[in-house]
Amino acid sequence: MSDNKKGVNPLTSGVAGAIIGAAAAAAAVALSDENNKKKAEKVLGDMQKEGNKFFKEISRIAMDLKDRGEKMLPSQKTIAPTKAKSAPKKVAKKTSKAKV
């Protein structure tokens, strides 16, 4: 296994950002009143912060589980190398033919 910790999948975070951005844009366009627009932007900003916290926590838990799983696997040092058994050598029988 690789020791690289990649963290969050860029595709996942991109999709989540696009959804949140689309919701924010739709709310901003739908609301013509400036006060309502600011309230909606604040609510959506707060939702985005909560979503980011939740996503980071889930990612942290997943990485912890991955690390625990890797620790439970035997390391290469503890696995004894197996030696291939050589095929048994054939013993040639000497047969003597009697001359007539």
C-alpha atoms as a PDB file:
ATOM      1  CA  MET A   1       0.000   0.000   0.000  1.00  0.00           C
ATOM      2  CA  SER A   2       1.104   3.523  -0.576  1.00  0.00           C
ATOM      3  CA  ASP A   3       1.913   5.785   2.347  1.00  0.00           C
ATOM      4  CA  ASN A   4       0.482   8.812   0.528  1.00  0.00           C
ATOM      5  CA  LYS A   5      -2.496  10.335   2.280  1.00  0.00           C
ATOM      6  CA  LYS A   6      -4.580  11.862  -0.435  1.00  0.00           C
ATOM      7  CA  GLY A   7      -7.414  13.185   1.746  1.00  0.00           C
ATOM      8  CA  VAL A   8     -10.561  14.362   0.023  1.00  0.00           C
ATOM      9  CA  ASN A   9     -11.484  13.294  -3.473  1.00  0.00           C
ATOM     10  CA  PRO A  10     -11.444  16.420  -5.672  1.00  0.00           C
ATOM     11  CA  LEU A  11     -14.441  15.216  -7.646  1.00  0.00           C
ATOM     12  CA  THR A  12     -16.535  14.862  -4.483  1.00  0.00           C
ATOM     13  CA  SER A  13     -15.638  18.296  -3.178  1.00  0.00           C
ATOM     14  CA  GLY A  14     -16.222  19.797  -6.634  1.00  0.00           C
ATOM     15  CA  VAL A  15     -19.704  18.304  -6.864  1.00  0.00           C
ATOM     16  CA  ALA A  16     -20.559  19.484  -3.345  1.00  0.00           C
ATOM     17  CA  GLY A  17     -19.280  22.976  -4.150  1.00  0.00           C
ATOM     18  CA  ALA A  18     -21.266  23.082  -7.380  1.00  0.00           C
ATOM     19  CA  ILE A  19     -24.473  22.096  -5.595  1.00  0.00           C
ATOM     20  CA  ILE A  20     -23.980  24.700  -2.885  1.00  0.00           C
ATOM     21  CA  GLY A  21     -23.035  27.326  -5.474  1.00  0.00           C
ATOM     22  CA  ALA A  22     -26.079  26.565  -7.610  1.00  0.00           C
ATOM     23  CA  ALA A  23     -28.366  26.811  -4.593  1.00  0.00           C
ATOM     24  CA  ALA A  24     -26.800  30.138  -3.619  1.00  0.00           C
ATOM     25  CA  ALA A  25     -27.160  31.503  -7.165  1.00  0.00           C
ATOM     26  CA  ALA A  26     -30.781  30.384  -7.412  1.00  0.00           C
ATOM     27  CA  ALA A  27     -31.618  31.955  -4.078  1.00  0.00           C
ATOM     28  CA  ALA A  28     -29.889  35.215  -5.017  1.00  0.00           C
ATOM     29  CA  VAL A  29     -31.728  35.456  -8.330  1.00  0.00           C
ATOM     30  CA  ALA A  30     -35.101  34.528  -6.841  1.00  0.00           C
ATOM     31  CA  LEU A  31     -34.869  37.094  -4.076  1.00  0.00           C
ATOM     32  CA  SER A  32     -35.127  40.650  -5.310  1.00  0.00           C
ATOM     33  CA  ASP A  33     -35.218  42.301  -1.900  1.00  0.00           C
ATOM     34  CA  GLU A  34     -31.694  43.189  -0.713  1.00  0.00           C
ATOM     35  CA  ASN A  35     -32.385  42.259   2.930  1.00  0.00           C
ATOM     36  CA  ASN A  36     -33.797  38.870   1.992  1.00  0.00           C
ATOM     37  CA  LYS A  37     -30.861  38.285  -0.344  1.00  0.00           C
ATOM     38  CA  LYS A  38     -28.362  38.993   2.438  1.00  0.00           C
ATOM     39  CA  LYS A  39     -30.247  36.703   4.830  1.00  0.00           C
ATOM     40  CA  ALA A  40     -30.302  33.916   2.252  1.00  0.00           C
ATOM     41  CA  GLU A  41     -26.584  34.330   1.541  1.00  0.00           C
ATOM     42  CA  LYS A  42     -25.829  34.191   5.281  1.00  0.00           C
ATOM     43  CA  VAL A  43     -27.935  31.051   5.732  1.00  0.00           C
ATOM     44  CA  LEU A  44     -26.299  29.386   2.737  1.00  0.00           C
ATOM     45  CA  GLY A  45     -22.844  30.416   3.944  1.00  0.00           C
ATOM     46  CA  ASP A  46     -23.588  28.903   7.347  1.00  0.00           C
ATOM     47  CA  MET A  47     -24.851  25.724   5.684  1.00  0.00           C
ATOM     48  CA  GLN A  48     -21.668  25.535   3.624  1.00  0.00           C
ATOM     49  CA  LYS A  49     -19.513  25.898   6.746  1.00  0.00           C
ATOM     50  CA  GLU A  50     -21.479  23.151   8.498  1.00  0.00           C
ATOM     51  CA  GLY A  51     -21.201  20.938   5.409  1.00  0.00           C
ATOM     52  CA  ASN A  52     -17.437  21.498   5.273  1.00  0.00           C
ATOM     53  CA  LYS A  53     -17.095  20.627   8.985  1.00  0.00           C
ATOM     54  CA  PHE A  54     -19.142  17.478   8.476  1.00  0.00           C
ATOM     55  CA  PHE A  55     -17.157  16.516   5.368  1.00  0.00           C
ATOM     56  CA  LYS A  56     -13.815  17.041   7.165  1.00  0.00           C
ATOM     57  CA  GLU A  57     -14.989  14.940  10.121  1.00  0.00           C
ATOM     58  CA  ILE A  58     -16.130  12.103   7.841  1.00  0.00           C
ATOM     59  CA  SER A  59     -12.808  12.274   5.958  1.00  0.00           C
ATOM     60  CA  ARG A  60     -10.863  12.171   9.237  1.00  0.00           C
ATOM     61  CA  ILE A  61     -12.806   9.132  10.437  1.00  0.00           C
ATOM     62  CA  ALA A  62     -12.268   7.368   7.099  1.00  0.00           C
ATOM     63  CA  MET A  63      -8.508   8.038   7.239  1.00  0.00           C
ATOM     64  CA  ASP A  64      -8.353   6.748  10.832  1.00  0.00           C
ATOM     65  CA  LEU A  65     -10.139   3.561   9.810  1.00  0.00           C
ATOM     66  CA  LYS A  66      -7.780   3.154   6.846  1.00  0.00           C
ATOM     67  CA  ASP A  67      -4.743   3.599   9.098  1.00  0.00           C
ATOM     68  CA  ARG A  68      -6.085   1.091  11.617  1.00  0.00           C
ATOM     69  CA  GLY A  69      -6.693  -1.406   8.836  1.00  0.00           C
ATOM     70  CA  GLU A  70      -3.150  -0.982   7.529  1.00  0.00           C
ATOM     71  CA  LYS A  71      -1.731  -1.476  11.043  1.00  0.00           C
ATOM     72  CA  MET A  72      -3.616  -4.751  11.362  1.00  0.00           C
ATOM     73  CA  LEU A  73      -2.078  -6.135   8.196  1.00  0.00           C
ATOM     74  CA  PRO A  74       1.110  -8.099   8.771  1.00  0.00           C
ATOM     75  CA  SER A  75       4.207  -6.279   7.664  1.00  0.00           C
ATOM     76  CA  GLN A  76       6.576  -7.795   5.152  1.00  0.00           C
ATOM     77  CA  LYS A  77       9.170  -8.335   7.890  1.00  0.00           C
ATOM     78  CA  THR A  78       6.849 -10.594   9.883  1.00  0.00           C
ATOM     79  CA  ILE A  79       5.905 -12.757   6.941  1.00  0.00           C
ATOM     80  CA  ALA A  80       8.478 -15.524   6.591  1.00  0.00           C
ATOM     81  CA  PRO A  81       9.622 -15.987   3.019  1.00  0.00           C
ATOM     82  CA  THR A  82       8.732 -19.375   1.643  1.00  0.00           C
ATOM     83  CA  LYS A  83      11.399 -21.381  -0.063  1.00  0.00           C
ATOM     84  CA  ALA A  84      10.398 -23.410  -3.025  1.00  0.00           C
ATOM     85  CA  LYS A  85      11.042 -27.064  -2.440  1.00  0.00           C
ATOM     86  CA  SER A  86      13.246 -28.566  -5.053  1.00  0.00           C
ATOM     87  CA  ALA A  87      11.995 -31.602  -6.846  1.00  0.00           C
ATOM     88  CA  PRO A  88      13.386 -34.847  -5.492  1.00  0.00           C
ATOM     89  CA  LYS A  89      16.387 -36.047  -7.433  1.00  0.00           C
ATOM     90  CA  LYS A  90      15.861 -39.217  -9.349  1.00  0.00           C
ATOM     91  CA  VAL A  91      18.253 -41.919  -8.456  1.00  0.00           C
ATOM     92  CA  ALA A  92      19.346 -43.775 -11.523  1.00  0.00           C
ATOM     93  CA  LYS A  93      19.386 -47.470 -10.993  1.00  0.00           C
ATOM     94  CA  LYS A  94      22.293 -49.274 -12.470  1.00  0.00           C
ATOM     95  CA  THR A  95      21.245 -52.367 -14.217  1.00  0.00           C
ATOM     96  CA  SER A  96      23.814 -54.748 -15.392  1.00  0.00           C
ATOM     97  CA  LYS A  97      23.079 -56.871 -18.330  1.00  0.00           C
ATOM     98  CA  ALA A  98      24.793 -60.174 -18.334  1.00  0.00           C
ATOM     99  CA  LYS A  99      26.689 -61.023 -21.459  1.00  0.00           C
ATOM    100  CA  VAL A 100      25.814 -64.355 -22.931  1.00  0.00           C
END
